[in-house]
Amino acid sequence: MSLESVRAFFAERAPDIAVIESPLSSATVALAAEAYGVEPARIAKTLSLRIGERVVLIVASGTSRMDNKKVKAHFGGKPKMLGLEDVAEITGHEVGGVCPFGLKTPLPVYCDLSLQAFDEVVPAAGSTHSAVRIAPSRMAELTAAEWVDVCQDGR
């Protein structure tokens, strides 16, 4: 269902962007970089967090690390990663395929400034074998994301 919801998202909002599939798993940053032939930093990983009563998605460069102090300062609470069942239940995407597109539940999306170092990034597209190639600014525009500085550069 998840890959289909992402396809429907792009068909409606950005028909020029194609979902690409790989026979190789892209469930981790390293696997995704290998599957799509890009450096790990270009993989746009999506973190599913609970901060107090809110659930938010933060999309960041594959090599950056979330800075808990920055997240707490920006969002006003301590971030906790969602558990596996919660991720699938809330986003509609399985872990390893979580992305800000075609969500089961509307969620606030935030793009970390680490993505702005690239003209194109590769986020997942709802499954562990799918992705899209997209400019970070376009991804933020399509998902109504707010730009935030909540990660440390891992390069």
C-alpha atoms as a PDB file:
ATOM      1  CA  MET A   1       0.000   0.000   0.000  1.00  0.00           C
ATOM      2  CA  SER A   2       2.815   2.348   0.881  1.00  0.00           C
ATOM      3  CA  LEU A   3       4.580   2.375  -2.484  1.00  0.00           C
ATOM      4  CA  GLU A   4       1.188   2.932  -4.108  1.00  0.00           C
ATOM      5  CA  SER A   5       0.400   5.892  -1.853  1.00  0.00           C
ATOM      6  CA  VAL A   6       3.746   7.465  -2.819  1.00  0.00           C
ATOM      7  CA  ARG A   7       3.057   6.865  -6.528  1.00  0.00           C
ATOM      8  CA  ALA A   8      -0.374   8.483  -6.098  1.00  0.00           C
ATOM      9  CA  PHE A   9       1.215  11.449  -4.272  1.00  0.00           C
ATOM     10  CA  PHE A  10       3.568  12.129  -7.185  1.00  0.00           C
ATOM     11  CA  ALA A  11       0.937  11.442  -9.850  1.00  0.00           C
ATOM     12  CA  GLU A  12      -1.213  14.163  -8.273  1.00  0.00           C
ATOM     13  CA  ARG A  13       1.385  16.728  -7.181  1.00  0.00           C
ATOM     14  CA  ALA A  14       4.482  16.190  -9.334  1.00  0.00           C
ATOM     15  CA  PRO A  15       3.890  13.890 -12.311  1.00  0.00           C
ATOM     16  CA  ASP A  16       7.359  14.739 -13.650  1.00  0.00           C
ATOM     17  CA  ILE A  17       8.975  12.842 -10.744  1.00  0.00           C
ATOM     18  CA  ALA A  18       9.213   9.089 -11.224  1.00  0.00           C
ATOM     19  CA  VAL A  19       9.470   6.542  -8.451  1.00  0.00           C
ATOM     20  CA  ILE A  20      12.481   4.346  -9.126  1.00  0.00           C
ATOM     21  CA  GLU A  21      12.755   0.775  -7.909  1.00  0.00           C
ATOM     22  CA  SER A  22      15.842  -1.277  -7.236  1.00  0.00           C
ATOM     23  CA  PRO A  23      16.239  -5.033  -6.882  1.00  0.00           C
ATOM     24  CA  LEU A  24      18.671  -4.192  -4.084  1.00  0.00           C
ATOM     25  CA  SER A  25      17.425  -3.262  -0.647  1.00  0.00           C
ATOM     26  CA  SER A  26      17.696   0.405   0.260  1.00  0.00           C
ATOM     27  CA  ALA A  27      16.599  -0.080   3.871  1.00  0.00           C
ATOM     28  CA  THR A  28      19.670   1.678   5.307  1.00  0.00           C
ATOM     29  CA  VAL A  29      21.627   4.724   4.183  1.00  0.00           C
ATOM     30  CA  ALA A  30      24.589   2.570   3.108  1.00  0.00           C
ATOM     31  CA  LEU A  31      22.385   0.140   1.161  1.00  0.00           C
ATOM     32  CA  ALA A  32      20.430   2.972  -0.456  1.00  0.00           C
ATOM     33  CA  ALA A  33      23.631   4.737  -1.538  1.00  0.00           C
ATOM     34  CA  GLU A  34      24.822   1.518  -3.163  1.00  0.00           C
ATOM     35  CA  ALA A  35      21.443   0.729  -4.755  1.00  0.00           C
ATOM     36  CA  TYR A  36      21.079   4.188  -6.324  1.00  0.00           C
ATOM     37  CA  GLY A  37      24.739   4.939  -7.033  1.00  0.00           C
ATOM     38  CA  VAL A  38      25.118   8.060  -4.893  1.00  0.00           C
ATOM     39  CA  GLU A  39      27.246   9.074  -1.928  1.00  0.00           C
ATOM     40  CA  PRO A  40      25.607   8.289   1.448  1.00  0.00           C
ATOM     41  CA  ALA A  41      25.215  12.010   2.251  1.00  0.00           C
ATOM     42  CA  ARG A  42      22.788  12.348  -0.705  1.00  0.00           C
ATOM     43  CA  ILE A  43      20.401   9.806   0.783  1.00  0.00           C
ATOM     44  CA  ALA A  44      17.604  11.783   2.439  1.00  0.00           C
ATOM     45  CA  LYS A  45      16.708   9.775   5.521  1.00  0.00           C
ATOM     46  CA  THR A  46      13.394  10.370   7.248  1.00  0.00           C
ATOM     47  CA  LEU A  47      13.345  10.241  11.038  1.00  0.00           C
ATOM     48  CA  SER A  48       9.991   9.567  12.735  1.00  0.00           C
ATOM     49  CA  LEU A  49       9.950  11.243  16.129  1.00  0.00           C
ATOM     50  CA  ARG A  50       7.582  11.736  19.011  1.00  0.00           C
ATOM     51  CA  ILE A  51       8.166  15.002  20.842  1.00  0.00           C
ATOM     52  CA  GLY A  52       5.754  15.245  23.740  1.00  0.00           C
ATOM     53  CA  GLU A  53       2.344  14.466  22.242  1.00  0.00           C
ATOM     54  CA  ARG A  54       3.369  15.374  18.683  1.00  0.00           C
ATOM     55  CA  VAL A  55       4.750  13.142  15.956  1.00  0.00           C
ATOM     56  CA  VAL A  56       6.991  14.834  13.396  1.00  0.00           C
ATOM     57  CA  LEU A  57       9.115  13.746  10.459  1.00  0.00           C
ATOM     58  CA  ILE A  58      12.590  15.164  10.000  1.00  0.00           C
ATOM     59  CA  VAL A  59      14.295  14.593   6.660  1.00  0.00           C
ATOM     60  CA  ALA A  60      18.073  14.927   6.789  1.00  0.00           C
ATOM     61  CA  SER A  61      21.228  14.057   4.905  1.00  0.00           C
ATOM     62  CA  GLY A  62      22.124  10.393   5.257  1.00  0.00           C
ATOM     63  CA  THR A  63      25.404  11.126   7.013  1.00  0.00           C
ATOM     64  CA  SER A  64      24.169  13.740   9.471  1.00  0.00           C
ATOM     65  CA  ARG A  65      23.244  12.908  13.015  1.00  0.00           C
ATOM     66  CA  MET A  66      20.293  14.292  14.869  1.00  0.00           C
ATOM     67  CA  ASP A  67      21.391  16.703  17.609  1.00  0.00           C
ATOM     68  CA  ASN A  68      19.075  16.094  20.568  1.00  0.00           C
ATOM     69  CA  LYS A  69      19.858  19.502  22.089  1.00  0.00           C
ATOM     70  CA  LYS A  70      18.976  21.317  18.847  1.00  0.00           C
ATOM     71  CA  VAL A  71      15.777  19.275  18.462  1.00  0.00           C
ATOM     72  CA  LYS A  72      14.762  19.958  22.057  1.00  0.00           C
ATOM     73  CA  ALA A  73      15.503  23.674  21.656  1.00  0.00           C
ATOM     74  CA  HIS A  74      13.529  23.936  18.406  1.00  0.00           C
ATOM     75  CA  PHE A  75      10.536  21.769  19.313  1.00  0.00           C
ATOM     76  CA  GLY A  76      10.395  22.326  23.067  1.00  0.00           C
ATOM     77  CA  GLY A  77      10.663  18.704  24.098  1.00  0.00           C
ATOM     78  CA  LYS A  78      12.870  15.639  24.146  1.00  0.00           C
ATOM     79  CA  PRO A  79      12.696  13.620  20.903  1.00  0.00           C
ATOM     80  CA  LYS A  80      12.031   9.874  20.953  1.00  0.00           C
ATOM     81  CA  MET A  81      12.219   7.668  17.888  1.00  0.00           C
ATOM     82  CA  LEU A  82       8.939   5.907  17.127  1.00  0.00           C
ATOM     83  CA  GLY A  83       8.842   2.134  17.560  1.00  0.00           C
ATOM     84  CA  LEU A  84       8.528  -0.127  14.500  1.00  0.00           C
ATOM     85  CA  GLU A  85       4.775  -0.688  14.853  1.00  0.00           C
ATOM     86  CA  ASP A  86       4.102   3.006  15.456  1.00  0.00           C
ATOM     87  CA  VAL A  87       6.117   4.008  12.368  1.00  0.00           C
ATOM     88  CA  ALA A  88       4.089   1.732  10.088  1.00  0.00           C
ATOM     89  CA  GLU A  89       0.774   2.581  11.777  1.00  0.00           C
ATOM     90  CA  ILE A  90       1.249   6.351  11.711  1.00  0.00           C
ATOM     91  CA  THR A  91       3.133   6.917   8.433  1.00  0.00           C
ATOM     92  CA  GLY A  92       1.800   3.965   6.442  1.00  0.00           C
ATOM     93  CA  HIS A  93       5.407   3.196   5.438  1.00  0.00           C
ATOM     94  CA  GLU A  94       7.591   0.361   6.661  1.00  0.00           C
ATOM     95  CA  VAL A  95      10.887   1.142   8.398  1.00  0.00           C
ATOM     96  CA  GLY A  96      13.517   1.475   5.687  1.00  0.00           C
ATOM     97  CA  GLY A  97      10.974   3.004   3.308  1.00  0.00           C
ATOM     98  CA  VAL A  98       9.729   5.915   5.414  1.00  0.00           C
ATOM     99  CA  CYS A  99       9.481   9.159   3.478  1.00  0.00           C
ATOM    100  CA  PRO A 100       7.492  12.401   3.679  1.00  0.00           C
ATOM    101  CA  PHE A 101       5.336  11.471   0.651  1.00  0.00           C
ATOM    102  CA  GLY A 102       1.984   9.658   0.578  1.00  0.00           C
ATOM    103  CA  LEU A 103       1.585   9.536   4.336  1.00  0.00           C
ATOM    104  CA  LYS A 104      -1.282   7.623   5.959  1.00  0.00           C
ATOM    105  CA  THR A 105      -1.660  10.383   8.562  1.00  0.00           C
ATOM    106  CA  PRO A 106      -0.890  14.032   7.770  1.00  0.00           C
ATOM    107  CA  LEU A 107       2.242  14.919   9.736  1.00  0.00           C
ATOM    108  CA  PRO A 108       4.395  18.022  10.005  1.00  0.00           C
ATOM    109  CA  VAL A 109       7.533  17.590   7.904  1.00  0.00           C
ATOM    110  CA  TYR A 110      10.815  19.345   8.596  1.00  0.00           C
ATOM    111  CA  CYS A 111      13.845  19.351   6.305  1.00  0.00           C
ATOM    112  CA  ASP A 112      17.215  19.728   7.964  1.00  0.00           C
ATOM    113  CA  LEU A 113      19.604  22.288   6.492  1.00  0.00           C
ATOM    114  CA  SER A 114      22.060  19.431   5.821  1.00  0.00           C
ATOM    115  CA  LEU A 115      20.071  18.678   2.644  1.00  0.00           C
ATOM    116  CA  GLN A 116      20.785  22.113   1.177  1.00  0.00           C
ATOM    117  CA  ALA A 117      24.355  21.088   0.333  1.00  0.00           C
ATOM    118  CA  PHE A 118      22.973  19.092  -2.617  1.00  0.00           C
ATOM    119  CA  ASP A 119      21.196  19.871  -5.866  1.00  0.00           C
ATOM    120  CA  GLU A 120      19.542  16.446  -5.753  1.00  0.00           C
ATOM    121  CA  VAL A 121      18.860  13.966  -2.957  1.00  0.00           C
ATOM    122  CA  VAL A 122      17.439  10.457  -2.896  1.00  0.00           C
ATOM    123  CA  PRO A 123      14.726   9.826  -0.294  1.00  0.00           C
ATOM    124  CA  ALA A 124      12.886   6.521   0.032  1.00  0.00           C
ATOM    125  CA  ALA A 125       9.526   6.148  -1.661  1.00  0.00           C
ATOM    126  CA  GLY A 126       7.463   4.026   0.701  1.00  0.00           C
ATOM    127  CA  SER A 127       9.291   0.694   0.496  1.00  0.00           C
ATOM    128  CA  THR A 128      12.748  -0.752   1.076  1.00  0.00           C
ATOM    129  CA  HIS A 129      13.258  -1.037  -2.694  1.00  0.00           C
ATOM    130  CA  SER A 130      12.022   2.337  -3.967  1.00  0.00           C
ATOM    131  CA  ALA A 131      13.180   5.956  -4.028  1.00  0.00           C
ATOM    132  CA  VAL A 132      12.938   9.218  -5.946  1.00  0.00           C
ATOM    133  CA  ARG A 133      15.546  11.692  -7.146  1.00  0.00           C
ATOM    134  CA  ILE A 134      14.486  15.206  -6.169  1.00  0.00           C
ATOM    135  CA  ALA A 135      15.892  18.639  -5.418  1.00  0.00           C
ATOM    136  CA  PRO A 136      15.719  19.342  -1.674  1.00  0.00           C
ATOM    137  CA  SER A 137      13.863  22.609  -2.300  1.00  0.00           C
ATOM    138  CA  ARG A 138      11.236  20.763  -4.368  1.00  0.00           C
ATOM    139  CA  MET A 139      10.825  18.090  -1.696  1.00  0.00           C
ATOM    140  CA  ALA A 140      10.276  20.787   0.932  1.00  0.00           C
ATOM    141  CA  GLU A 141       7.790  22.561  -1.320  1.00  0.00           C
ATOM    142  CA  LEU A 142       5.788  19.410  -2.119  1.00  0.00           C
ATOM    143  CA  THR A 143       5.567  18.340   1.529  1.00  0.00           C
ATOM    144  CA  ALA A 144       5.035  21.857   2.964  1.00  0.00           C
ATOM    145  CA  ALA A 145       8.165  21.275   5.032  1.00  0.00           C
ATOM    146  CA  GLU A 146       9.809  23.860   7.220  1.00  0.00           C
ATOM    147  CA  TRP A 147      13.601  24.149   7.084  1.00  0.00           C
ATOM    148  CA  VAL A 148      15.279  23.542  10.452  1.00  0.00           C
ATOM    149  CA  ASP A 149      18.791  23.181  11.838  1.00  0.00           C
ATOM    150  CA  VAL A 150      18.566  20.108  14.074  1.00  0.00           C
ATOM    151  CA  CYS A 151      21.429  17.873  12.922  1.00  0.00           C
ATOM    152  CA  GLN A 152      25.187  17.732  13.080  1.00  0.00           C
ATOM    153  CA  ASP A 153      26.979  17.302   9.779  1.00  0.00           C
ATOM    154  CA  GLY A 154      28.407  13.812   9.614  1.00  0.00           C
ATOM    155  CA  ARG A 155      30.750  14.356   6.695  1.00  0.00           C
END
